[in-house]
Amino acid sequence: MLPMDDIVKPIQDALVGVVFADDSLIADVESHRRFLNSTFDVTRLPPLVLAGIAAQEGCVYVKISRSRPLGEYL
């Protein structure tokens, strides 16, 4: 199993030039791993993630948004 940094960084690198000019512009990164044999709520998952779960395949979901003020994370 790869450490989370080994998963996140290549995704950030792939988004350079597509979503943002340089990954130094990224202020916050939030990362979560869920295993397919775990129990979790699927009611709000995007259709492609649901399809990956149904097929018992690993998948990655990336959401890009503006950073919130630091105080909102505390």
Protein backbone atom coordinates (compact mmCIF):
# COMPACT_ATOMS: atom_id res chain seq x y z
CA MET A 1 0.00 0.00 0.00
CA LEU A 2 1.38 3.41 -0.97
CA PRO A 3 1.71 6.25 1.54
CA MET A 4 -0.82 9.02 0.91
CA ASP A 5 1.89 11.45 -0.27
CA ASP A 6 2.84 8.98 -3.00
CA ILE A 7 -0.74 9.14 -4.27
CA VAL A 8 -1.47 12.86 -3.86
CA LYS A 9 1.69 14.36 -5.39
CA PRO A 10 1.40 12.65 -8.81
CA ILE A 11 -2.22 13.81 -9.04
CA GLN A 12 -1.18 17.38 -8.22
CA ASP A 13 1.59 17.19 -10.82
CA ALA A 14 -0.85 15.91 -13.47
CA LEU A 15 -3.17 18.88 -12.85
CA VAL A 16 -0.44 21.46 -13.56
CA GLY A 17 -1.26 23.18 -16.83
CA VAL A 18 -4.76 21.69 -16.82
CA VAL A 19 -6.33 23.16 -13.69
CA PHE A 20 -3.66 25.52 -12.36
CA ALA A 21 -0.42 26.97 -13.66
CA ASP A 22 1.85 25.67 -10.91
CA ASP A 23 1.32 23.37 -7.96
CA SER A 24 2.96 25.97 -5.72
CA LEU A 25 -0.45 27.70 -5.91
CA ILE A 26 -2.00 24.89 -3.84
CA ALA A 27 -2.62 26.13 -0.31
CA ASP A 28 -4.41 23.15 1.26
CA VAL A 29 -4.65 19.44 0.55
CA GLU A 30 -7.11 17.12 2.21
CA SER A 31 -6.76 13.42 1.56
CA HIS A 32 -8.83 10.44 2.64
CA ARG A 33 -8.49 6.75 1.89
CA ARG A 34 -11.39 4.34 2.03
CA PHE A 35 -11.02 0.61 1.51
CA LEU A 36 -13.62 -1.18 -0.60
CA ASN A 37 -14.30 -3.70 2.16
CA SER A 38 -15.15 -0.88 4.61
CA THR A 39 -18.65 0.35 5.41
CA PHE A 40 -19.37 3.91 4.32
CA ASP A 41 -22.28 6.11 3.23
CA VAL A 42 -22.61 6.09 -0.57
CA THR A 43 -25.68 8.33 -0.82
CA ARG A 44 -23.76 11.48 -1.80
CA LEU A 45 -20.97 9.96 -3.88
CA PRO A 46 -20.53 11.02 -7.52
CA PRO A 47 -21.77 8.45 -10.08
CA LEU A 48 -18.26 7.57 -11.33
CA VAL A 49 -17.08 6.81 -7.79
CA LEU A 50 -20.16 4.62 -7.27
CA ALA A 51 -19.33 2.79 -10.50
CA GLY A 52 -15.76 2.16 -9.27
CA ILE A 53 -17.05 0.80 -5.98
CA ALA A 54 -19.62 -1.40 -7.71
CA ALA A 55 -16.90 -2.80 -9.98
CA GLN A 56 -14.67 -3.38 -6.93
CA GLU A 57 -11.97 -1.24 -8.53
CA GLY A 58 -9.83 1.38 -6.88
CA CYS A 59 -10.72 4.92 -7.87
CA VAL A 60 -9.67 8.47 -7.14
CA TYR A 61 -11.99 11.44 -6.68
CA VAL A 62 -10.47 14.92 -6.94
CA LYS A 63 -12.35 18.04 -5.86
CA ILE A 64 -10.76 21.44 -6.39
CA SER A 65 -12.06 24.49 -4.58
CA ARG A 66 -10.88 27.73 -3.05
CA SER A 67 -9.24 27.49 0.35
CA ARG A 68 -11.34 28.41 3.34
CA PRO A 69 -10.01 30.67 6.10
CA LEU A 70 -7.74 28.71 8.43
CA GLY A 71 -10.07 29.24 11.38
CA GLU A 72 -12.78 27.17 9.65
CA TYR A 73 -10.52 24.12 9.77
CA LEU A 74 -9.83 24.45 13.51
